[in-house]
Amino acid sequence: MSARIDQLRARIEREIAPTSLEIFDESHRHVGHAGAADGRGHFRLRVVAECFRDLGSLARHRRIYAAVGDLMDTDIHALSIEALSPEESA
């Protein structure tokens, strides 16, 4: 597992306490893309968490971006997010 994925996982687990968290590094799919030129990665998340209950999609994404914090400036170029409450993931 990459150090970036470890950092993502640690921050999301600490701030959101997900019941399920899947992180996929899709950087290899963006080689040659202008946004990948600076070395930051492309990631896809599937996060299931109780704290998403009664929140809309935008609020859920904001919670994840807040948890990820400065990694968006240093390590992540693109983040694809699927954020679900436990009922939605069943």
PDB file of N, CA and C in Angstrom:
ATOM      1  N   MET A   1       0.854  -1.184   0.000  1.00  0.00           N
ATOM      2  CA  MET A   1       0.000   0.000   0.000  1.00  0.00           C
ATOM      3  C   MET A   1       0.892   1.237   0.000  1.00  0.00           C
ATOM      4  N   SER A   2       0.478   2.253  -0.703  1.00  0.00           N
ATOM      5  CA  SER A   2       1.304   3.451  -0.819  1.00  0.00           C
ATOM      6  C   SER A   2       1.177   4.341   0.417  1.00  0.00           C
ATOM      7  N   ALA A   3       2.193   5.174   0.602  1.00  0.00           N
ATOM      8  CA  ALA A   3       2.175   6.118   1.720  1.00  0.00           C
ATOM      9  C   ALA A   3       1.002   7.090   1.591  1.00  0.00           C
ATOM     10  N   ARG A   4       0.669   7.479   0.362  1.00  0.00           N
ATOM     11  CA  ARG A   4      -0.464   8.393   0.166  1.00  0.00           C
ATOM     12  C   ARG A   4      -1.769   7.748   0.608  1.00  0.00           C
ATOM     13  N   ILE A   5      -1.957   6.506   0.247  1.00  0.00           N
ATOM     14  CA  ILE A   5      -3.182   5.803   0.659  1.00  0.00           C
ATOM     15  C   ILE A   5      -3.213   5.671   2.175  1.00  0.00           C
ATOM     16  N   ASP A   6      -2.070   5.377   2.782  1.00  0.00           N
ATOM     17  CA  ASP A   6      -2.003   5.281   4.245  1.00  0.00           C
ATOM     18  C   ASP A   6      -2.398   6.604   4.893  1.00  0.00           C
ATOM     19  N   GLN A   7      -1.916   7.723   4.333  1.00  0.00           N
ATOM     20  CA  GLN A   7      -2.262   9.040   4.873  1.00  0.00           C
ATOM     21  C   GLN A   7      -3.749   9.332   4.705  1.00  0.00           C
ATOM     22  N   LEU A   8      -4.280   9.046   3.529  1.00  0.00           N
ATOM     23  CA  LEU A   8      -5.713   9.243   3.288  1.00  0.00           C
ATOM     24  C   LEU A   8      -6.534   8.433   4.280  1.00  0.00           C
ATOM     25  N   ARG A   9      -6.186   7.158   4.405  1.00  0.00           N
ATOM     26  CA  ARG A   9      -6.926   6.267   5.301  1.00  0.00           C
ATOM     27  C   ARG A   9      -6.880   6.786   6.738  1.00  0.00           C
ATOM     28  N   ALA A  10      -5.716   7.163   7.210  1.00  0.00           N
ATOM     29  CA  ALA A  10      -5.578   7.625   8.597  1.00  0.00           C
ATOM     30  C   ALA A  10      -6.424   8.863   8.859  1.00  0.00           C
ATOM     31  N   ARG A  11      -6.394   9.809   7.941  1.00  0.00           N
ATOM     32  CA  ARG A  11      -7.158  11.045   8.154  1.00  0.00           C
ATOM     33  C   ARG A  11      -8.661  10.802   8.097  1.00  0.00           C
ATOM     34  N   ILE A  12      -9.104  10.013   7.144  1.00  0.00           N
ATOM     35  CA  ILE A  12     -10.540   9.744   7.022  1.00  0.00           C
ATOM     36  C   ILE A  12     -11.030   8.930   8.212  1.00  0.00           C
ATOM     37  N   GLU A  13     -10.251   7.935   8.623  1.00  0.00           N
ATOM     38  CA  GLU A  13     -10.658   7.137   9.778  1.00  0.00           C
ATOM     39  C   GLU A  13     -10.722   7.988  11.038  1.00  0.00           C
ATOM     40  N   ARG A  14      -9.777   8.889  11.212  1.00  0.00           N
ATOM     41  CA  ARG A  14      -9.738   9.742  12.409  1.00  0.00           C
ATOM     42  C   ARG A  14     -10.907  10.730  12.432  1.00  0.00           C
ATOM     43  N   GLU A  15     -11.209  11.349  11.305  1.00  0.00           N
ATOM     44  CA  GLU A  15     -12.200  12.433  11.265  1.00  0.00           C
ATOM     45  C   GLU A  15     -13.628  11.971  10.995  1.00  0.00           C
ATOM     46  N   ILE A  16     -13.788  10.847  10.299  1.00  0.00           N
ATOM     47  CA  ILE A  16     -15.127  10.435   9.860  1.00  0.00           C
ATOM     48  C   ILE A  16     -15.578   9.129  10.509  1.00  0.00           C
ATOM     49  N   ALA A  17     -14.647   8.312  10.968  1.00  0.00           N
ATOM     50  CA  ALA A  17     -14.945   7.019  11.591  1.00  0.00           C
ATOM     51  C   ALA A  17     -15.857   6.166  10.696  1.00  0.00           C
ATOM     52  N   PRO A  18     -15.405   5.852   9.497  1.00  0.00           N
ATOM     53  CA  PRO A  18     -16.251   5.093   8.578  1.00  0.00           C
ATOM     54  C   PRO A  18     -16.457   3.651   9.028  1.00  0.00           C
ATOM     55  N   THR A  19     -17.601   3.098   8.647  1.00  0.00           N
ATOM     56  CA  THR A  19     -17.827   1.671   8.868  1.00  0.00           C
ATOM     57  C   THR A  19     -17.209   0.869   7.734  1.00  0.00           C
ATOM     58  N   SER A  20     -16.978   1.538   6.608  1.00  0.00           N
ATOM     59  CA  SER A  20     -16.324   0.920   5.459  1.00  0.00           C
ATOM     60  C   SER A  20     -15.577   2.011   4.697  1.00  0.00           C
ATOM     61  N   LEU A  21     -14.360   1.694   4.266  1.00  0.00           N
ATOM     62  CA  LEU A  21     -13.556   2.650   3.519  1.00  0.00           C
ATOM     63  C   LEU A  21     -12.723   1.899   2.481  1.00  0.00           C
ATOM     64  N   GLU A  22     -12.938   2.253   1.230  1.00  0.00           N
ATOM     65  CA  GLU A  22     -12.139   1.691   0.150  1.00  0.00           C
ATOM     66  C   GLU A  22     -11.448   2.854  -0.558  1.00  0.00           C
ATOM     67  N   ILE A  23     -10.157   2.702  -0.793  1.00  0.00           N
ATOM     68  CA  ILE A  23      -9.371   3.741  -1.465  1.00  0.00           C
ATOM     69  C   ILE A  23      -8.667   3.091  -2.651  1.00  0.00           C
ATOM     70  N   PHE A  24      -8.863   3.672  -3.812  1.00  0.00           N
ATOM     71  CA  PHE A  24      -8.263   3.153  -5.037  1.00  0.00           C
ATOM     72  C   PHE A  24      -7.349   4.217  -5.636  1.00  0.00           C
ATOM     73  N   ASP A  25      -6.102   3.854  -5.883  1.00  0.00           N
ATOM     74  CA  ASP A  25      -5.159   4.761  -6.540  1.00  0.00           C
ATOM     75  C   ASP A  25      -5.319   4.565  -8.045  1.00  0.00           C
ATOM     76  N   GLU A  26      -5.840   5.571  -8.708  1.00  0.00           N
ATOM     77  CA  GLU A  26      -6.069   5.503 -10.158  1.00  0.00           C
ATOM     78  C   GLU A  26      -5.100   6.403 -10.918  1.00  0.00           C
ATOM     79  N   SER A  27      -3.998   6.731 -10.293  1.00  0.00           N
ATOM     80  CA  SER A  27      -3.011   7.626 -10.906  1.00  0.00           C
ATOM     81  C   SER A  27      -2.495   7.071 -12.228  1.00  0.00           C
ATOM     82  N   HIS A  28      -2.350   5.762 -12.311  1.00  0.00           N
ATOM     83  CA  HIS A  28      -1.837   5.138 -13.535  1.00  0.00           C
ATOM     84  C   HIS A  28      -2.739   5.409 -14.740  1.00  0.00           C
ATOM     85  N   ARG A  29      -3.990   5.710 -14.498  1.00  0.00           N
ATOM     86  CA  ARG A  29      -4.933   5.984 -15.587  1.00  0.00           C
ATOM     87  C   ARG A  29      -4.800   7.414 -16.118  1.00  0.00           C
ATOM     88  N   HIS A  30      -3.986   8.230 -15.462  1.00  0.00           N
ATOM     89  CA  HIS A  30      -3.877   9.642 -15.820  1.00  0.00           C
ATOM     90  C   HIS A  30      -2.458  10.043 -16.210  1.00  0.00           C
ATOM     91  N   VAL A  31      -1.624   9.072 -16.483  1.00  0.00           N
ATOM     92  CA  VAL A  31      -0.254   9.364 -16.905  1.00  0.00           C
ATOM     93  C   VAL A  31      -0.312  10.194 -18.185  1.00  0.00           C
ATOM     94  N   GLY A  32       0.465  11.256 -18.215  1.00  0.00           N
ATOM     95  CA  GLY A  32       0.472  12.138 -19.372  1.00  0.00           C
ATOM     96  C   GLY A  32      -0.552  13.253 -19.294  1.00  0.00           C
ATOM     97  N   HIS A  33      -1.487  13.161 -18.373  1.00  0.00           N
ATOM     98  CA  HIS A  33      -2.505  14.189 -18.165  1.00  0.00           C
ATOM     99  C   HIS A  33      -1.845  15.411 -17.535  1.00  0.00           C
ATOM    100  N   ALA A  34      -2.212  16.577 -17.980  1.00  0.00           N
ATOM    101  CA  ALA A  34      -1.588  17.817 -17.485  1.00  0.00           C
ATOM    102  C   ALA A  34      -1.676  17.928 -15.962  1.00  0.00           C
ATOM    103  N   GLY A  35      -2.787  17.496 -15.393  1.00  0.00           N
ATOM    104  CA  GLY A  35      -2.962  17.587 -13.950  1.00  0.00           C
ATOM    105  C   GLY A  35      -2.083  16.639 -13.172  1.00  0.00           C
ATOM    106  N   ALA A  36      -1.557  15.618 -13.827  1.00  0.00           N
ATOM    107  CA  ALA A  36      -0.692  14.655 -13.153  1.00  0.00           C
ATOM    108  C   ALA A  36       0.779  15.027 -13.272  1.00  0.00           C
ATOM    109  N   ALA A  37       1.074  16.056 -14.017  1.00  0.00           N
ATOM    110  CA  ALA A  37       2.462  16.430 -14.293  1.00  0.00           C
ATOM    111  C   ALA A  37       3.235  16.802 -13.030  1.00  0.00           C
ATOM    112  N   ASP A  38       2.547  17.318 -12.011  1.00  0.00           N
ATOM    113  CA  ASP A  38       3.249  17.738 -10.798  1.00  0.00           C
ATOM    114  C   ASP A  38       3.456  16.596  -9.806  1.00  0.00           C
ATOM    115  N   GLY A  39       3.035  15.381 -10.172  1.00  0.00           N
ATOM    116  CA  GLY A  39       3.280  14.211  -9.336  1.00  0.00           C
ATOM    117  C   GLY A  39       2.204  13.881  -8.327  1.00  0.00           C
ATOM    118  N   ARG A  40       1.194  14.728  -8.220  1.00  0.00           N
ATOM    119  CA  ARG A  40       0.106  14.406  -7.290  1.00  0.00           C
ATOM    120  C   ARG A  40      -0.759  13.311  -7.891  1.00  0.00           C
ATOM    121  N   GLY A  41      -1.490  12.578  -7.052  1.00  0.00           N
ATOM    122  CA  GLY A  41      -2.225  11.409  -7.499  1.00  0.00           C
ATOM    123  C   GLY A  41      -3.704  11.626  -7.729  1.00  0.00           C
ATOM    124  N   HIS A  42      -4.293  10.631  -8.389  1.00  0.00           N
ATOM    125  CA  HIS A  42      -5.736  10.567  -8.639  1.00  0.00           C
ATOM    126  C   HIS A  42      -6.269   9.388  -7.826  1.00  0.00           C
ATOM    127  N   PHE A  43      -7.262   9.650  -6.977  1.00  0.00           N
ATOM    128  CA  PHE A  43      -7.791   8.615  -6.099  1.00  0.00           C
ATOM    129  C   PHE A  43      -9.306   8.553  -6.179  1.00  0.00           C
ATOM    130  N   ARG A  44      -9.827   7.364  -5.927  1.00  0.00           N
ATOM    131  CA  ARG A  44     -11.273   7.143  -5.855  1.00  0.00           C
ATOM    132  C   ARG A  44     -11.571   6.574  -4.476  1.00  0.00           C
ATOM    133  N   LEU A  45     -12.568   7.151  -3.804  1.00  0.00           N
ATOM    134  CA  LEU A  45     -12.962   6.716  -2.462  1.00  0.00           C
ATOM    135  C   LEU A  45     -14.383   6.186  -2.464  1.00  0.00           C
ATOM    136  N   ARG A  46     -14.596   5.177  -1.669  1.00  0.00           N
ATOM    137  CA  ARG A  46     -15.953   4.734  -1.329  1.00  0.00           C
ATOM    138  C   ARG A  46     -15.990   4.702   0.192  1.00  0.00           C
ATOM    139  N   VAL A  47     -16.761   5.627   0.771  1.00  0.00           N
ATOM    140  CA  VAL A  47     -16.787   5.798   2.216  1.00  0.00           C
ATOM    141  C   VAL A  47     -18.211   5.601   2.713  1.00  0.00           C
ATOM    142  N   VAL A  48     -18.375   4.713   3.675  1.00  0.00           N
ATOM    143  CA  VAL A  48     -19.668   4.505   4.323  1.00  0.00           C
ATOM    144  C   VAL A  48     -19.495   4.936   5.773  1.00  0.00           C
ATOM    145  N   ALA A  49     -20.341   5.876   6.207  1.00  0.00           N
ATOM    146  CA  ALA A  49     -20.199   6.392   7.570  1.00  0.00           C
ATOM    147  C   ALA A  49     -21.536   6.849   8.127  1.00  0.00           C
ATOM    148  N   GLU A  50     -21.700   6.623   9.403  1.00  0.00           N
ATOM    149  CA  GLU A  50     -22.908   7.042  10.111  1.00  0.00           C
ATOM    150  C   GLU A  50     -23.075   8.561  10.056  1.00  0.00           C
ATOM    151  N   CYS A  51     -21.984   9.294  10.074  1.00  0.00           N
ATOM    152  CA  CYS A  51     -22.075  10.757  10.091  1.00  0.00           C
ATOM    153  C   CYS A  51     -22.661  11.324   8.796  1.00  0.00           C
ATOM    154  N   PHE A  52     -22.799  10.502   7.756  1.00  0.00           N
ATOM    155  CA  PHE A  52     -23.390  10.969   6.498  1.00  0.00           C
ATOM    156  C   PHE A  52     -24.918  10.903   6.504  1.00  0.00           C
ATOM    157  N   ARG A  53     -25.472  10.239   7.512  1.00  0.00           N
ATOM    158  CA  ARG A  53     -26.930  10.152   7.604  1.00  0.00           C
ATOM    159  C   ARG A  53     -27.511  11.566   7.679  1.00  0.00           C
ATOM    160  N   ASP A  54     -28.522  11.819   6.915  1.00  0.00           N
ATOM    161  CA  ASP A  54     -29.220  13.108   6.883  1.00  0.00           C
ATOM    162  C   ASP A  54     -28.403  14.255   6.283  1.00  0.00           C
ATOM    163  N   LEU A  55     -27.271  13.938   5.638  1.00  0.00           N
ATOM    164  CA  LEU A  55     -26.496  14.967   4.945  1.00  0.00           C
ATOM    165  C   LEU A  55     -26.657  14.786   3.439  1.00  0.00           C
ATOM    166  N   GLY A  56     -26.715  15.879   2.733  1.00  0.00           N
ATOM    167  CA  GLY A  56     -26.737  15.822   1.280  1.00  0.00           C
ATOM    168  C   GLY A  56     -25.350  15.525   0.735  1.00  0.00           C
ATOM    169  N   SER A  57     -25.288  15.294  -0.556  1.00  0.00           N
ATOM    170  CA  SER A  57     -24.034  14.932  -1.215  1.00  0.00           C
ATOM    171  C   SER A  57     -22.950  15.988  -1.016  1.00  0.00           C
ATOM    172  N   LEU A  58     -23.287  17.248  -1.190  1.00  0.00           N
ATOM    173  CA  LEU A  58     -22.302  18.315  -1.050  1.00  0.00           C
ATOM    174  C   LEU A  58     -21.728  18.362   0.363  1.00  0.00           C
ATOM    175  N   ALA A  59     -22.566  18.239   1.361  1.00  0.00           N
ATOM    176  CA  ALA A  59     -22.107  18.264   2.757  1.00  0.00           C
ATOM    177  C   ALA A  59     -21.207  17.063   3.051  1.00  0.00           C
ATOM    178  N   ARG A  60     -21.526  15.921   2.483  1.00  0.00           N
ATOM    179  CA  ARG A  60     -20.689  14.728   2.667  1.00  0.00           C
ATOM    180  C   ARG A  60     -19.313  14.941   2.054  1.00  0.00           C
ATOM    181  N   HIS A  61     -19.294  15.482   0.852  1.00  0.00           N
ATOM    182  CA  HIS A  61     -18.019  15.738   0.178  1.00  0.00           C
ATOM    183  C   HIS A  61     -17.199  16.765   0.960  1.00  0.00           C
ATOM    184  N   ARG A  62     -17.854  17.768   1.496  1.00  0.00           N
ATOM    185  CA  ARG A  62     -17.147  18.770   2.298  1.00  0.00           C
ATOM    186  C   ARG A  62     -16.509  18.140   3.532  1.00  0.00           C
ATOM    187  N   ARG A  63     -17.213  17.210   4.158  1.00  0.00           N
ATOM    188  CA  ARG A  63     -16.653  16.510   5.333  1.00  0.00           C
ATOM    189  C   ARG A  63     -15.390  15.751   4.947  1.00  0.00           C
ATOM    190  N   ILE A  64     -15.424  15.100   3.794  1.00  0.00           N
ATOM    191  CA  ILE A  64     -14.253  14.338   3.342  1.00  0.00           C
ATOM    192  C   ILE A  64     -13.101  15.276   2.995  1.00  0.00           C
ATOM    193  N   TYR A  65     -13.377  16.345   2.263  1.00  0.00           N
ATOM    194  CA  TYR A  65     -12.323  17.301   1.920  1.00  0.00           C
ATOM    195  C   TYR A  65     -11.722  17.925   3.178  1.00  0.00           C
ATOM    196  N   ALA A  66     -12.534  18.198   4.186  1.00  0.00           N
ATOM    197  CA  ALA A  66     -12.017  18.740   5.442  1.00  0.00           C
ATOM    198  C   ALA A  66     -11.103  17.717   6.126  1.00  0.00           C
ATOM    199  N   ALA A  67     -11.481  16.452   6.085  1.00  0.00           N
ATOM    200  CA  ALA A  67     -10.660  15.401   6.691  1.00  0.00           C
ATOM    201  C   ALA A  67      -9.334  15.238   5.957  1.00  0.00           C
ATOM    202  N   VAL A  68      -9.373  15.319   4.637  1.00  0.00           N
ATOM    203  CA  VAL A  68      -8.173  15.140   3.818  1.00  0.00           C
ATOM    204  C   VAL A  68      -7.241  16.346   3.948  1.00  0.00           C
ATOM    205  N   GLY A  69      -7.828  17.516   4.097  1.00  0.00           N
ATOM    206  CA  GLY A  69      -7.070  18.730   4.367  1.00  0.00           C
ATOM    207  C   GLY A  69      -6.004  19.060   3.347  1.00  0.00           C
ATOM    208  N   ASP A  70      -4.803  19.341   3.835  1.00  0.00           N
ATOM    209  CA  ASP A  70      -3.712  19.813   2.984  1.00  0.00           C
ATOM    210  C   ASP A  70      -3.177  18.778   2.006  1.00  0.00           C
ATOM    211  N   LEU A  71      -3.605  17.533   2.112  1.00  0.00           N
ATOM    212  CA  LEU A  71      -3.190  16.532   1.120  1.00  0.00           C
ATOM    213  C   LEU A  71      -3.670  16.916  -0.280  1.00  0.00           C
ATOM    214  N   MET A  72      -4.741  17.704  -0.336  1.00  0.00           N
ATOM    215  CA  MET A  72      -5.225  18.177  -1.634  1.00  0.00           C
ATOM    216  C   MET A  72      -4.218  19.125  -2.285  1.00  0.00           C
ATOM    217  N   ASP A  73      -3.402  19.771  -1.491  1.00  0.00           N
ATOM    218  CA  ASP A  73      -2.389  20.690  -2.021  1.00  0.00           C
ATOM    219  C   ASP A  73      -1.061  19.997  -2.299  1.00  0.00           C
ATOM    220  N   THR A  74      -0.787  18.923  -1.567  1.00  0.00           N
ATOM    221  CA  THR A  74       0.537  18.307  -1.637  1.00  0.00           C
ATOM    222  C   THR A  74       0.581  16.953  -2.334  1.00  0.00           C
ATOM    223  N   ASP A  75      -0.487  16.146  -2.227  1.00  0.00           N
ATOM    224  CA  ASP A  75      -0.433  14.770  -2.697  1.00  0.00           C
ATOM    225  C   ASP A  75      -1.552  14.346  -3.640  1.00  0.00           C
ATOM    226  N   ILE A  76      -2.657  15.083  -3.633  1.00  0.00           N
ATOM    227  CA  ILE A  76      -3.832  14.662  -4.394  1.00  0.00           C
ATOM    228  C   ILE A  76      -4.165  15.701  -5.452  1.00  0.00           C
ATOM    229  N   HIS A  77      -4.272  15.263  -6.689  1.00  0.00           N
ATOM    230  CA  HIS A  77      -4.732  16.140  -7.765  1.00  0.00           C
ATOM    231  C   HIS A  77      -6.235  15.987  -7.963  1.00  0.00           C
ATOM    232  N   ALA A  78      -6.715  14.745  -7.931  1.00  0.00           N
ATOM    233  CA  ALA A  78      -8.139  14.481  -8.164  1.00  0.00           C
ATOM    234  C   ALA A  78      -8.639  13.446  -7.168  1.00  0.00           C
ATOM    235  N   LEU A  79      -9.876  13.668  -6.717  1.00  0.00           N
ATOM    236  CA  LEU A  79     -10.493  12.781  -5.743  1.00  0.00           C
ATOM    237  C   LEU A  79     -11.934  12.519  -6.170  1.00  0.00           C
ATOM    238  N   SER A  80     -12.210  11.281  -6.516  1.00  0.00           N
ATOM    239  CA  SER A  80     -13.562  10.871  -6.864  1.00  0.00           C
ATOM    240  C   SER A  80     -14.173  10.254  -5.610  1.00  0.00           C
ATOM    241  N   ILE A  81     -15.354  10.727  -5.219  1.00  0.00           N
ATOM    242  CA  ILE A  81     -15.928  10.336  -3.931  1.00  0.00           C
ATOM    243  C   ILE A  81     -17.304   9.708  -4.089  1.00  0.00           C
ATOM    244  N   GLU A  82     -17.473   8.555  -3.465  1.00  0.00           N
ATOM    245  CA  GLU A  82     -18.790   7.958  -3.253  1.00  0.00           C
ATOM    246  C   GLU A  82     -18.961   7.904  -1.740  1.00  0.00           C
ATOM    247  N   ALA A  83     -19.832   8.742  -1.199  1.00  0.00           N
ATOM    248  CA  ALA A  83     -20.039   8.854   0.245  1.00  0.00           C
ATOM    249  C   ALA A  83     -21.464   8.419   0.568  1.00  0.00           C
ATOM    250  N   LEU A  84     -21.579   7.379   1.388  1.00  0.00           N
ATOM    251  CA  LEU A  84     -22.879   6.767   1.668  1.00  0.00           C
ATOM    252  C   LEU A  84     -23.109   6.628   3.172  1.00  0.00           C
ATOM    253  N   SER A  85     -24.381   6.676   3.550  1.00  0.00           N
ATOM    254  CA  SER A  85     -24.748   6.299   4.917  1.00  0.00           C
ATOM    255  C   SER A  85     -24.849   4.778   4.941  1.00  0.00           C
ATOM    256  N   PRO A  86     -24.854   4.157   6.125  1.00  0.00           N
ATOM    257  CA  PRO A  86     -24.934   2.702   6.171  1.00  0.00           C
ATOM    258  C   PRO A  86     -26.164   2.125   5.461  1.00  0.00           C
ATOM    259  N   GLU A  87     -27.304   2.814   5.539  1.00  0.00           N
ATOM    260  CA  GLU A  87     -28.518   2.304   4.871  1.00  0.00           C
ATOM    261  C   GLU A  87     -28.366   2.312   3.365  1.00  0.00           C
ATOM    262  N   GLU A  88     -27.668   3.299   2.845  1.00  0.00           N
ATOM    263  CA  GLU A  88     -27.497   3.432   1.399  1.00  0.00           C
ATOM    264  C   GLU A  88     -26.524   2.403   0.841  1.00  0.00           C
ATOM    265  N   SER A  89     -25.680   1.856   1.667  1.00  0.00           N
ATOM    266  CA  SER A  89     -24.665   0.924   1.189  1.00  0.00           C
ATOM    267  C   SER A  89     -25.153  -0.515   1.175  1.00  0.00           C
ATOM    268  N   ALA A  90     -26.285  -0.742   1.777  1.00  0.00           N
ATOM    269  CA  ALA A  90     -26.796  -2.123   1.878  1.00  0.00           C
ATOM    270  C   ALA A  90     -27.294  -2.655   0.559  1.00  0.00           C
TER     271      ALA A  90
END
